[in-house]
Amino acid sequence: MTDRKPPHISVLLREVIDILAPKDGGVYVDGTFGAGGYSRAILEAADCQVYGIDRDPFAIDMGRKMAGEFAGRLVMVEGCYADMEALLAEQDIYAVDGIALDIGVSSMQIDEAERGFSFMREGPLDMRMSGTGRTAAEIVNEESEAELARIIFVYGEEQRSRAIARAVAERRELAPFKSTVELAEVVASVVRPTGKGIHPATRTFQALRIVVNDELGQLVQGLAASERLLTPGGRLAVVSFHSLEDRRVKNFLSARSEGRARPSRHVPVSDEGPAPTFKLIKRGSIKARADELAVNPRSRSARLRGAIRTEAPAWTEAA
């Protein structure tokens, strides 16, 4: 059993709570519980109920221990936030006053070498948040060179994706990849450091993690579920850490707040369309303040977007 580090401070915590504005008697969802930072802050801000959702069994275990501090006001639910409607229905909850989502891998998961998320720590090439399903090693060892290049380019936005895929394909002919460090070293052999302190394998590991956990698909489903669950006046706060995630959140909230789809800013659109289901709290994203950046480097890439649910019915089209 490895030594576990203390829970990390949730990114943009003050700003998320400002957006949610917890109220007494309210029902809130922490859709990505992690170490429970958002849940704790919500529960301390008001006499309310919080449902903490996470697909990581360790996070659920942590949350159940934490629940004892709040006299039944924190309920842990194991599963993915994309399925929050069904998960909450099992708790007889069909409408909520606020939802917080912190998209992507948690610092807690990165710090555990055995989870295989970090290229800085020797561990099995796993990356599964739930501990089930296909591992990163299986993808790296089994997919074609062309498919690996596509994955790394699309989900990692890595310009050297073809060179990386070629190097990986050549290396796995000698022996299959088993560890994080093995893969990181191969990627570093063909990708030059940027000079900005970013490891050459960062984008490749991001791409694999996204595919292993279907993170973008889960995000699209989770946003649509939030729209259906939130009561009029309910609040949504979403923290993301890279452009692929933030772009989807931005596009979803932009369309829902304008009341019509916008395929491109260059294409005229009709004023006719579904009524707006959200009102933006702020145009653009909210970034970490200097004091948070000083103590939490992870917050550097974080982007927070928030919105308030209107009385309009949820859209029937996909996010």
C-alpha atoms as a PDB file:
ATOM      1  CA  MET A   1       0.000   0.000   0.000  1.00  0.00           C
ATOM      2  CA  THR A   2       1.500   3.329  -0.988  1.00  0.00           C
ATOM      3  CA  ASP A   3       1.493   6.353   1.278  1.00  0.00           C
ATOM      4  CA  ARG A   4      -1.283   8.719   0.289  1.00  0.00           C
ATOM      5  CA  LYS A   5      -0.729  12.452   0.314  1.00  0.00           C
ATOM      6  CA  PRO A   6      -3.159  14.837   2.011  1.00  0.00           C
ATOM      7  CA  PRO A   7      -6.098  15.937  -0.181  1.00  0.00           C
ATOM      8  CA  HIS A   8      -5.380  18.841  -2.474  1.00  0.00           C
ATOM      9  CA  ILE A   9      -7.136  22.187  -2.412  1.00  0.00           C
ATOM     10  CA  SER A  10      -9.785  22.348  -5.131  1.00  0.00           C
ATOM     11  CA  VAL A  11      -8.939  24.697  -7.972  1.00  0.00           C
ATOM     12  CA  LEU A  12     -10.834  28.020  -8.109  1.00  0.00           C
ATOM     13  CA  LEU A  13     -12.699  27.041  -4.949  1.00  0.00           C
ATOM     14  CA  ARG A  14     -13.802  30.541  -3.931  1.00  0.00           C
ATOM     15  CA  GLU A  15     -14.958  31.344  -7.432  1.00  0.00           C
ATOM     16  CA  VAL A  16     -16.946  28.100  -7.771  1.00  0.00           C
ATOM     17  CA  ILE A  17     -18.738  28.777  -4.485  1.00  0.00           C
ATOM     18  CA  ASP A  18     -19.458  32.363  -5.582  1.00  0.00           C
ATOM     19  CA  ILE A  19     -21.136  30.997  -8.721  1.00  0.00           C
ATOM     20  CA  LEU A  20     -23.130  28.309  -6.909  1.00  0.00           C
ATOM     21  CA  ALA A  21     -24.192  30.697  -4.095  1.00  0.00           C
ATOM     22  CA  PRO A  22     -25.349  27.816  -1.831  1.00  0.00           C
ATOM     23  CA  LYS A  23     -28.602  28.448   0.051  1.00  0.00           C
ATOM     24  CA  ASP A  24     -30.214  26.810   3.068  1.00  0.00           C
ATOM     25  CA  GLY A  25     -32.454  23.926   2.073  1.00  0.00           C
ATOM     26  CA  GLY A  26     -30.859  23.647  -1.375  1.00  0.00           C
ATOM     27  CA  VAL A  27     -29.799  20.437  -3.122  1.00  0.00           C
ATOM     28  CA  TYR A  28     -26.404  20.436  -4.829  1.00  0.00           C
ATOM     29  CA  VAL A  29     -24.368  18.011  -6.895  1.00  0.00           C
ATOM     30  CA  ASP A  30     -20.594  17.731  -6.830  1.00  0.00           C
ATOM     31  CA  GLY A  31     -20.345  15.716 -10.006  1.00  0.00           C
ATOM     32  CA  THR A  32     -16.597  15.124  -9.745  1.00  0.00           C
ATOM     33  CA  PHE A  33     -16.095  14.652  -6.002  1.00  0.00           C
ATOM     34  CA  GLY A  34     -12.361  13.869  -6.012  1.00  0.00           C
ATOM     35  CA  ALA A  35     -10.957  14.865  -2.622  1.00  0.00           C
ATOM     36  CA  GLY A  36     -14.227  16.583  -1.698  1.00  0.00           C
ATOM     37  CA  GLY A  37     -13.078  20.204  -1.682  1.00  0.00           C
ATOM     38  CA  TYR A  38     -16.122  21.622  -3.440  1.00  0.00           C
ATOM     39  CA  SER A  39     -18.533  19.485  -1.425  1.00  0.00           C
ATOM     40  CA  ARG A  40     -17.032  20.590   1.868  1.00  0.00           C
ATOM     41  CA  ALA A  41     -17.159  24.259   0.878  1.00  0.00           C
ATOM     42  CA  ILE A  42     -20.801  23.985  -0.247  1.00  0.00           C
ATOM     43  CA  LEU A  43     -21.819  22.251   2.976  1.00  0.00           C
ATOM     44  CA  GLU A  44     -20.005  24.837   5.084  1.00  0.00           C
ATOM     45  CA  ALA A  45     -21.596  27.725   3.161  1.00  0.00           C
ATOM     46  CA  ALA A  46     -25.227  26.708   3.789  1.00  0.00           C
ATOM     47  CA  ASP A  47     -27.468  24.204   5.570  1.00  0.00           C
ATOM     48  CA  CYS A  48     -27.989  22.202   2.395  1.00  0.00           C
ATOM     49  CA  GLN A  49     -27.733  18.707   0.917  1.00  0.00           C
ATOM     50  CA  VAL A  50     -24.876  17.602  -1.353  1.00  0.00           C
ATOM     51  CA  TYR A  51     -24.692  14.503  -3.540  1.00  0.00           C
ATOM     52  CA  GLY A  52     -21.071  13.669  -4.320  1.00  0.00           C
ATOM     53  CA  ILE A  53     -20.565  11.639  -7.495  1.00  0.00           C
ATOM     54  CA  ASP A  54     -17.317   9.962  -8.541  1.00  0.00           C
ATOM     55  CA  ARG A  55     -16.340   6.874 -10.512  1.00  0.00           C
ATOM     56  CA  ASP A  56     -13.126   6.450  -8.514  1.00  0.00           C
ATOM     57  CA  PRO A  57     -13.755   3.937  -5.694  1.00  0.00           C
ATOM     58  CA  PHE A  58     -11.067   5.560  -3.522  1.00  0.00           C
ATOM     59  CA  ALA A  59     -12.797   8.950  -3.826  1.00  0.00           C
ATOM     60  CA  ILE A  60     -16.089   7.339  -2.803  1.00  0.00           C
ATOM     61  CA  ASP A  61     -14.431   5.789   0.226  1.00  0.00           C
ATOM     62  CA  MET A  62     -12.937   9.151   1.220  1.00  0.00           C
ATOM     63  CA  GLY A  63     -16.312  10.818   0.790  1.00  0.00           C
ATOM     64  CA  ARG A  64     -18.139   8.310   2.967  1.00  0.00           C
ATOM     65  CA  LYS A  65     -15.667   8.972   5.760  1.00  0.00           C
ATOM     66  CA  MET A  66     -16.128  12.712   5.290  1.00  0.00           C
ATOM     67  CA  ALA A  67     -19.927  12.354   5.318  1.00  0.00           C
ATOM     68  CA  GLY A  68     -19.814  11.627   9.034  1.00  0.00           C
ATOM     69  CA  GLU A  69     -18.835  15.250   9.636  1.00  0.00           C
ATOM     70  CA  PHE A  70     -22.064  16.578   8.134  1.00  0.00           C
ATOM     71  CA  ALA A  71     -24.875  14.646   9.817  1.00  0.00           C
ATOM     72  CA  GLY A  72     -26.385  13.076   6.721  1.00  0.00           C
ATOM     73  CA  ARG A  73     -26.082  16.144   4.496  1.00  0.00           C
ATOM     74  CA  LEU A  74     -23.483  14.508   2.239  1.00  0.00           C
ATOM     75  CA  VAL A  75     -24.486  11.434   0.241  1.00  0.00           C
ATOM     76  CA  MET A  76     -21.898   9.639  -1.870  1.00  0.00           C
ATOM     77  CA  VAL A  77     -22.915   8.071  -5.193  1.00  0.00           C
ATOM     78  CA  GLU A  78     -20.509   5.884  -7.170  1.00  0.00           C
ATOM     79  CA  GLY A  79     -20.664   6.450 -10.922  1.00  0.00           C
ATOM     80  CA  CYS A  80     -19.906   8.976 -13.627  1.00  0.00           C
ATOM     81  CA  TYR A  81     -21.392  12.477 -13.650  1.00  0.00           C
ATOM     82  CA  ALA A  82     -22.540  11.877 -17.230  1.00  0.00           C
ATOM     83  CA  ASP A  83     -25.072   9.469 -15.715  1.00  0.00           C
ATOM     84  CA  MET A  84     -26.103  11.810 -12.907  1.00  0.00           C
ATOM     85  CA  GLU A  85     -29.800  11.797 -13.839  1.00  0.00           C
ATOM     86  CA  ALA A  86     -30.116   8.043 -13.384  1.00  0.00           C
ATOM     87  CA  LEU A  87     -27.808   8.021 -10.351  1.00  0.00           C
ATOM     88  CA  LEU A  88     -29.795  10.744  -8.610  1.00  0.00           C
ATOM     89  CA  ALA A  89     -33.116   9.171  -9.558  1.00  0.00           C
ATOM     90  CA  GLU A  90     -32.033   6.163  -7.503  1.00  0.00           C
ATOM     91  CA  GLN A  91     -31.859   8.607  -4.573  1.00  0.00           C
ATOM     92  CA  ASP A  92     -35.322  10.022  -5.465  1.00  0.00           C
ATOM     93  CA  ILE A  93     -33.744  13.293  -6.594  1.00  0.00           C
ATOM     94  CA  TYR A  94     -35.056  14.714  -9.858  1.00  0.00           C
ATOM     95  CA  ALA A  95     -34.150  18.421  -9.629  1.00  0.00           C
ATOM     96  CA  VAL A  96     -31.241  20.287  -8.035  1.00  0.00           C
ATOM     97  CA  ASP A  97     -30.227  23.855  -7.238  1.00  0.00           C
ATOM     98  CA  GLY A  98     -26.604  23.696  -8.279  1.00  0.00           C
ATOM     99  CA  ILE A  99     -24.012  21.512  -9.996  1.00  0.00           C
ATOM    100  CA  ALA A 100     -20.210  21.730  -9.796  1.00  0.00           C
ATOM    101  CA  LEU A 101     -17.987  19.897 -12.287  1.00  0.00           C
ATOM    102  CA  ASP A 102     -14.173  19.755 -12.207  1.00  0.00           C
ATOM    103  CA  ILE A 103     -13.290  18.059 -15.489  1.00  0.00           C
ATOM    104  CA  GLY A 104     -10.326  15.751 -15.963  1.00  0.00           C
ATOM    105  CA  VAL A 105      -7.891  13.899 -13.740  1.00  0.00           C
ATOM    106  CA  SER A 106      -7.479  14.991 -10.126  1.00  0.00           C
ATOM    107  CA  SER A 107      -4.193  15.810  -8.416  1.00  0.00           C
ATOM    108  CA  MET A 108      -4.984  12.966  -6.036  1.00  0.00           C
ATOM    109  CA  GLN A 109      -4.986  10.509  -8.953  1.00  0.00           C
ATOM    110  CA  ILE A 110      -1.827  11.968 -10.497  1.00  0.00           C
ATOM    111  CA  ASP A 111       0.029  11.622  -7.201  1.00  0.00           C
ATOM    112  CA  GLU A 112      -0.636   7.864  -7.045  1.00  0.00           C
ATOM    113  CA  ALA A 113       1.993   6.207  -9.227  1.00  0.00           C
ATOM    114  CA  GLU A 114       0.029   2.951  -9.359  1.00  0.00           C
ATOM    115  CA  ARG A 115      -2.824   4.690 -11.209  1.00  0.00           C
ATOM    116  CA  GLY A 116      -0.563   5.341 -14.220  1.00  0.00           C
ATOM    117  CA  PHE A 117      -1.616   8.939 -14.919  1.00  0.00           C
ATOM    118  CA  SER A 118       1.767  10.592 -14.437  1.00  0.00           C
ATOM    119  CA  PHE A 119       4.792  10.456 -16.720  1.00  0.00           C
ATOM    120  CA  MET A 120       6.879  11.719 -13.795  1.00  0.00           C
ATOM    121  CA  ARG A 121       6.341   8.597 -11.660  1.00  0.00           C
ATOM    122  CA  GLU A 122       7.100   4.985 -12.460  1.00  0.00           C
ATOM    123  CA  GLY A 123       3.885   3.014 -12.557  1.00  0.00           C
ATOM    124  CA  PRO A 124       1.728   0.747 -14.718  1.00  0.00           C
ATOM    125  CA  LEU A 125       0.422   2.382 -17.887  1.00  0.00           C
ATOM    126  CA  ASP A 126      -3.202   2.339 -16.734  1.00  0.00           C
ATOM    127  CA  MET A 127      -5.013   5.736 -16.521  1.00  0.00           C
ATOM    128  CA  ARG A 128      -8.458   4.313 -15.755  1.00  0.00           C
ATOM    129  CA  MET A 129     -10.389   6.521 -13.344  1.00  0.00           C
ATOM    130  CA  SER A 130     -12.885   3.806 -12.493  1.00  0.00           C
ATOM    131  CA  GLY A 131     -10.420   0.922 -12.540  1.00  0.00           C
ATOM    132  CA  THR A 132     -12.447  -0.861 -15.238  1.00  0.00           C
ATOM    133  CA  GLY A 133     -12.276  -0.941 -19.017  1.00  0.00           C
ATOM    134  CA  ARG A 134      -9.403  -0.717 -21.466  1.00  0.00           C
ATOM    135  CA  THR A 135      -6.058   0.550 -20.156  1.00  0.00           C
ATOM    136  CA  ALA A 136      -3.681   3.032 -21.759  1.00  0.00           C
ATOM    137  CA  ALA A 137      -1.183   0.182 -22.203  1.00  0.00           C
ATOM    138  CA  GLU A 138      -3.701  -1.786 -24.248  1.00  0.00           C
ATOM    139  CA  ILE A 139      -4.297   1.199 -26.514  1.00  0.00           C
ATOM    140  CA  VAL A 140      -0.578   1.904 -26.951  1.00  0.00           C
ATOM    141  CA  ASN A 141       0.257  -1.734 -27.657  1.00  0.00           C
ATOM    142  CA  GLU A 142      -2.735  -2.721 -29.786  1.00  0.00           C
ATOM    143  CA  GLU A 143      -3.824   0.241 -31.925  1.00  0.00           C
ATOM    144  CA  SER A 144      -2.348   0.776 -35.372  1.00  0.00           C
ATOM    145  CA  GLU A 145       0.328   3.407 -35.891  1.00  0.00           C
ATOM    146  CA  ALA A 146      -2.146   5.530 -37.854  1.00  0.00           C
ATOM    147  CA  GLU A 147      -4.775   5.340 -35.119  1.00  0.00           C
ATOM    148  CA  LEU A 148      -2.225   6.227 -32.428  1.00  0.00           C
ATOM    149  CA  ALA A 149      -1.178   9.264 -34.451  1.00  0.00           C
ATOM    150  CA  ARG A 150      -4.816  10.314 -34.772  1.00  0.00           C
ATOM    151  CA  ILE A 151      -5.487   9.912 -31.051  1.00  0.00           C
ATOM    152  CA  ILE A 152      -2.411  11.902 -30.052  1.00  0.00           C
ATOM    153  CA  PHE A 153      -3.137  14.664 -32.585  1.00  0.00           C
ATOM    154  CA  VAL A 154      -6.880  15.017 -31.947  1.00  0.00           C
ATOM    155  CA  TYR A 155      -6.981  14.602 -28.170  1.00  0.00           C
ATOM    156  CA  GLY A 156      -3.509  15.849 -27.283  1.00  0.00           C
ATOM    157  CA  GLU A 157      -3.264  18.559 -29.952  1.00  0.00           C
ATOM    158  CA  GLU A 158       0.294  17.321 -30.454  1.00  0.00           C
ATOM    159  CA  GLN A 159       1.915  18.458 -33.714  1.00  0.00           C
ATOM    160  CA  ARG A 160       4.511  15.666 -33.561  1.00  0.00           C
ATOM    161  CA  SER A 161       1.852  12.967 -33.334  1.00  0.00           C
ATOM    162  CA  ARG A 162       3.040  10.996 -36.378  1.00  0.00           C
ATOM    163  CA  ALA A 163       6.642  10.912 -35.194  1.00  0.00           C
ATOM    164  CA  ILE A 164       5.504   9.787 -31.749  1.00  0.00           C
ATOM    165  CA  ALA A 165       3.281   7.057 -33.168  1.00  0.00           C
ATOM    166  CA  ARG A 166       6.120   5.825 -35.374  1.00  0.00           C
ATOM    167  CA  ALA A 167       8.539   5.695 -32.426  1.00  0.00           C
ATOM    168  CA  VAL A 168       5.965   3.885 -30.284  1.00  0.00           C
ATOM    169  CA  ALA A 169       5.264   1.334 -33.021  1.00  0.00           C
ATOM    170  CA  GLU A 170       8.982   0.628 -33.456  1.00  0.00           C
ATOM    171  CA  ARG A 171       9.585   0.299 -29.719  1.00  0.00           C
ATOM    172  CA  ARG A 172       6.649  -2.057 -29.070  1.00  0.00           C
ATOM    173  CA  GLU A 173       8.027  -4.468 -31.676  1.00  0.00           C
ATOM    174  CA  LEU A 174      10.836  -5.141 -29.192  1.00  0.00           C
ATOM    175  CA  ALA A 175       8.595  -5.411 -26.129  1.00  0.00           C
ATOM    176  CA  PRO A 176       5.112  -4.194 -25.204  1.00  0.00           C
ATOM    177  CA  PHE A 177       4.826  -1.021 -23.142  1.00  0.00           C
ATOM    178  CA  LYS A 178       4.068  -1.677 -19.484  1.00  0.00           C
ATOM    179  CA  SER A 179       5.045   1.459 -17.552  1.00  0.00           C
ATOM    180  CA  THR A 180       4.475   5.189 -17.678  1.00  0.00           C
ATOM    181  CA  VAL A 181       8.188   5.947 -17.742  1.00  0.00           C
ATOM    182  CA  GLU A 182       8.773   3.650 -20.722  1.00  0.00           C
ATOM    183  CA  LEU A 183       6.260   5.576 -22.795  1.00  0.00           C
ATOM    184  CA  ALA A 184       7.421   8.981 -21.543  1.00  0.00           C
ATOM    185  CA  GLU A 185      10.998   8.212 -22.558  1.00  0.00           C
ATOM    186  CA  VAL A 186      10.001   7.185 -26.087  1.00  0.00           C
ATOM    187  CA  VAL A 187       7.912  10.347 -26.530  1.00  0.00           C
ATOM    188  CA  ALA A 188      10.736  12.518 -25.178  1.00  0.00           C
ATOM    189  CA  SER A 189      13.099  10.963 -27.741  1.00  0.00           C
ATOM    190  CA  VAL A 190      11.176  12.606 -30.603  1.00  0.00           C
ATOM    191  CA  VAL A 191       9.613  15.710 -28.998  1.00  0.00           C
ATOM    192  CA  ARG A 192      11.818  18.603 -28.008  1.00  0.00           C
ATOM    193  CA  PRO A 193      11.223  20.383 -24.682  1.00  0.00           C
ATOM    194  CA  THR A 194       9.385  23.678 -25.121  1.00  0.00           C
ATOM    195  CA  GLY A 195      11.473  25.657 -22.683  1.00  0.00           C
ATOM    196  CA  LYS A 196       8.308  26.473 -20.717  1.00  0.00           C
ATOM    197  CA  GLY A 197       8.762  23.664 -18.200  1.00  0.00           C
ATOM    198  CA  ILE A 198       6.233  21.428 -19.977  1.00  0.00           C
ATOM    199  CA  HIS A 199       7.323  17.801 -20.264  1.00  0.00           C
ATOM    200  CA  PRO A 200       7.469  16.514 -23.869  1.00  0.00           C
ATOM    201  CA  ALA A 201       5.044  13.681 -22.996  1.00  0.00           C
ATOM    202  CA  THR A 202       2.348  15.961 -21.543  1.00  0.00           C
ATOM    203  CA  ARG A 203       0.109  16.069 -24.624  1.00  0.00           C
ATOM    204  CA  THR A 204       0.479  12.369 -25.397  1.00  0.00           C
ATOM    205  CA  PHE A 205      -0.514  11.372 -21.866  1.00  0.00           C
ATOM    206  CA  GLN A 206      -3.442  13.811 -22.001  1.00  0.00           C
ATOM    207  CA  ALA A 207      -4.667  12.213 -25.219  1.00  0.00           C
ATOM    208  CA  LEU A 208      -4.493   8.680 -23.844  1.00  0.00           C
ATOM    209  CA  ARG A 209      -6.211   9.656 -20.593  1.00  0.00           C
ATOM    210  CA  ILE A 210      -9.064  11.325 -22.482  1.00  0.00           C
ATOM    211  CA  VAL A 211      -9.607   8.275 -24.688  1.00  0.00           C
ATOM    212  CA  VAL A 212      -9.296   5.721 -21.867  1.00  0.00           C
ATOM    213  CA  ASN A 213     -11.946   7.538 -19.815  1.00  0.00           C
ATOM    214  CA  ASP A 214     -14.073   8.924 -22.698  1.00  0.00           C
ATOM    215  CA  GLU A 215     -13.722  12.306 -21.032  1.00  0.00           C
ATOM    216  CA  LEU A 216     -15.106  14.436 -23.867  1.00  0.00           C
ATOM    217  CA  GLY A 217     -18.078  12.162 -24.404  1.00  0.00           C
ATOM    218  CA  GLN A 218     -18.781  12.200 -20.682  1.00  0.00           C
ATOM    219  CA  LEU A 219     -18.559  16.010 -20.656  1.00  0.00           C
ATOM    220  CA  VAL A 220     -21.097  16.402 -23.474  1.00  0.00           C
ATOM    221  CA  GLN A 221     -23.516  14.055 -21.699  1.00  0.00           C
ATOM    222  CA  GLY A 222     -22.911  15.702 -18.340  1.00  0.00           C
ATOM    223  CA  LEU A 223     -23.659  19.199 -19.617  1.00  0.00           C
ATOM    224  CA  ALA A 224     -26.928  18.048 -21.173  1.00  0.00           C
ATOM    225  CA  ALA A 225     -27.867  16.233 -17.951  1.00  0.00           C
ATOM    226  CA  SER A 226     -27.134  19.392 -15.943  1.00  0.00           C
ATOM    227  CA  GLU A 227     -29.485  21.360 -18.177  1.00  0.00           C
ATOM    228  CA  ARG A 228     -32.294  18.879 -17.470  1.00  0.00           C
ATOM    229  CA  LEU A 229     -31.657  18.608 -13.727  1.00  0.00           C
ATOM    230  CA  LEU A 230     -31.238  22.241 -12.718  1.00  0.00           C
ATOM    231  CA  THR A 231     -34.302  24.087 -11.442  1.00  0.00           C
ATOM    232  CA  PRO A 232     -35.073  27.619 -12.693  1.00  0.00           C
ATOM    233  CA  GLY A 233     -32.476  29.794 -10.994  1.00  0.00           C
ATOM    234  CA  GLY A 234     -30.209  26.780 -10.478  1.00  0.00           C
ATOM    235  CA  ARG A 235     -26.514  27.358 -11.042  1.00  0.00           C
ATOM    236  CA  LEU A 236     -23.845  25.488 -12.988  1.00  0.00           C
ATOM    237  CA  ALA A 237     -20.076  25.840 -12.425  1.00  0.00           C
ATOM    238  CA  VAL A 238     -17.628  23.980 -14.691  1.00  0.00           C
ATOM    239  CA  VAL A 239     -13.842  23.966 -14.280  1.00  0.00           C
ATOM    240  CA  SER A 240     -11.758  22.630 -17.171  1.00  0.00           C
ATOM    241  CA  PHE A 241      -8.023  22.358 -17.737  1.00  0.00           C
ATOM    242  CA  HIS A 242      -7.385  22.322 -21.467  1.00  0.00           C
ATOM    243  CA  SER A 243      -8.837  23.801 -24.625  1.00  0.00           C
ATOM    244  CA  LEU A 244     -10.665  20.662 -25.801  1.00  0.00           C
ATOM    245  CA  GLU A 245     -12.787  20.650 -22.637  1.00  0.00           C
ATOM    246  CA  ASP A 246     -13.201  24.397 -22.306  1.00  0.00           C
ATOM    247  CA  ARG A 247     -14.246  24.749 -25.952  1.00  0.00           C
ATOM    248  CA  ARG A 248     -17.102  22.302 -25.438  1.00  0.00           C
ATOM    249  CA  VAL A 249     -18.263  24.031 -22.279  1.00  0.00           C
ATOM    250  CA  LYS A 250     -18.044  27.431 -23.971  1.00  0.00           C
ATOM    251  CA  ASN A 251     -19.955  26.288 -27.061  1.00  0.00           C
ATOM    252  CA  PHE A 252     -22.656  24.584 -24.982  1.00  0.00           C
ATOM    253  CA  LEU A 253     -23.288  27.603 -22.758  1.00  0.00           C
ATOM    254  CA  SER A 254     -23.033  30.075 -25.649  1.00  0.00           C
ATOM    255  CA  ALA A 255     -25.674  28.228 -27.638  1.00  0.00           C
ATOM    256  CA  ARG A 256     -27.934  27.714 -24.627  1.00  0.00           C
ATOM    257  CA  SER A 257     -27.689  31.337 -23.523  1.00  0.00           C
ATOM    258  CA  GLU A 258     -28.407  32.716 -26.999  1.00  0.00           C
ATOM    259  CA  GLY A 259     -31.288  30.370 -27.709  1.00  0.00           C
ATOM    260  CA  ARG A 260     -30.002  29.152 -31.056  1.00  0.00           C
ATOM    261  CA  ALA A 261     -27.184  27.034 -32.402  1.00  0.00           C
ATOM    262  CA  ARG A 262     -24.232  28.843 -33.921  1.00  0.00           C
ATOM    263  CA  PRO A 263     -22.309  26.516 -36.240  1.00  0.00           C
ATOM    264  CA  SER A 264     -19.877  29.335 -37.091  1.00  0.00           C
ATOM    265  CA  ARG A 265     -19.624  33.043 -36.394  1.00  0.00           C
ATOM    266  CA  HIS A 266     -19.326  33.531 -40.169  1.00  0.00           C
ATOM    267  CA  VAL A 267     -22.636  31.786 -40.920  1.00  0.00           C
ATOM    268  CA  PRO A 268     -25.866  33.780 -40.517  1.00  0.00           C
ATOM    269  CA  VAL A 269     -28.338  32.150 -38.177  1.00  0.00           C
ATOM    270  CA  SER A 270     -32.047  32.494 -37.750  1.00  0.00           C
ATOM    271  CA  ASP A 271     -33.486  34.179 -34.689  1.00  0.00           C
ATOM    272  CA  GLU A 272     -35.930  31.307 -34.486  1.00  0.00           C
ATOM    273  CA  GLY A 273     -34.927  28.509 -32.176  1.00  0.00           C
ATOM    274  CA  PRO A 274     -35.355  27.087 -28.696  1.00  0.00           C
ATOM    275  CA  ALA A 275     -35.589  29.592 -25.860  1.00  0.00           C
ATOM    276  CA  PRO A 276     -32.370  30.194 -23.900  1.00  0.00           C
ATOM    277  CA  THR A 277     -31.958  27.705 -21.069  1.00  0.00           C
ATOM    278  CA  PHE A 278     -29.045  29.479 -19.385  1.00  0.00           C
ATOM    279  CA  LYS A 279     -27.969  33.000 -18.558  1.00  0.00           C
ATOM    280  CA  LEU A 280     -24.200  33.457 -18.460  1.00  0.00           C
ATOM    281  CA  ILE A 281     -22.841  34.717 -15.153  1.00  0.00           C
ATOM    282  CA  LYS A 282     -19.824  36.163 -16.958  1.00  0.00           C
ATOM    283  CA  ARG A 283     -18.834  36.284 -20.600  1.00  0.00           C
ATOM    284  CA  GLY A 284     -15.563  34.478 -21.006  1.00  0.00           C
ATOM    285  CA  SER A 285     -13.839  32.275 -18.484  1.00  0.00           C
ATOM    286  CA  ILE A 286     -12.669  32.967 -14.952  1.00  0.00           C
ATOM    287  CA  LYS A 287      -9.009  32.267 -14.199  1.00  0.00           C
ATOM    288  CA  ALA A 288      -7.124  31.727 -10.968  1.00  0.00           C
ATOM    289  CA  ARG A 289      -6.003  34.761  -8.990  1.00  0.00           C
ATOM    290  CA  ALA A 290      -2.358  35.483  -8.246  1.00  0.00           C
ATOM    291  CA  ASP A 291      -2.618  34.222  -4.660  1.00  0.00           C
ATOM    292  CA  GLU A 292      -3.933  30.841  -5.819  1.00  0.00           C
ATOM    293  CA  LEU A 293      -1.341  30.544  -8.570  1.00  0.00           C
ATOM    294  CA  ALA A 294       1.369  31.065  -5.952  1.00  0.00           C
ATOM    295  CA  VAL A 295       0.310  28.031  -3.892  1.00  0.00           C
ATOM    296  CA  ASN A 296      -1.337  25.767  -6.482  1.00  0.00           C
ATOM    297  CA  PRO A 297       0.485  25.463  -9.850  1.00  0.00           C
ATOM    298  CA  ARG A 298      -2.312  23.197 -11.190  1.00  0.00           C
ATOM    299  CA  SER A 299      -4.609  26.217 -11.258  1.00  0.00           C
ATOM    300  CA  ARG A 300      -2.493  27.847 -13.973  1.00  0.00           C
ATOM    301  CA  SER A 301      -4.397  26.162 -16.799  1.00  0.00           C
ATOM    302  CA  ALA A 302      -7.823  26.122 -15.110  1.00  0.00           C
ATOM    303  CA  ARG A 303     -10.791  27.890 -16.703  1.00  0.00           C
ATOM    304  CA  LEU A 304     -14.127  28.318 -14.922  1.00  0.00           C
ATOM    305  CA  ARG A 305     -17.440  29.049 -16.630  1.00  0.00           C
ATOM    306  CA  GLY A 306     -20.752  29.557 -14.855  1.00  0.00           C
ATOM    307  CA  ALA A 307     -24.389  30.038 -15.773  1.00  0.00           C
ATOM    308  CA  ILE A 308     -27.869  30.289 -14.241  1.00  0.00           C
ATOM    309  CA  ARG A 309     -30.731  28.101 -15.450  1.00  0.00           C
ATOM    310  CA  THR A 310     -33.747  29.868 -16.928  1.00  0.00           C
ATOM    311  CA  GLU A 311     -37.353  28.626 -16.913  1.00  0.00           C
ATOM    312  CA  ALA A 312     -37.168  27.425 -20.540  1.00  0.00           C
ATOM    313  CA  PRO A 313     -37.450  23.673 -21.180  1.00  0.00           C
ATOM    314  CA  ALA A 314     -34.237  21.786 -21.856  1.00  0.00           C
ATOM    315  CA  TRP A 315     -33.280  21.431 -25.492  1.00  0.00           C
ATOM    316  CA  THR A 316     -33.934  18.108 -27.147  1.00  0.00           C
ATOM    317  CA  GLU A 317     -30.864  18.245 -29.404  1.00  0.00           C
ATOM    318  CA  ALA A 318     -27.456  16.977 -28.299  1.00  0.00           C
ATOM    319  CA  ALA A 319     -24.958  19.287 -26.593  1.00  0.00           C
END
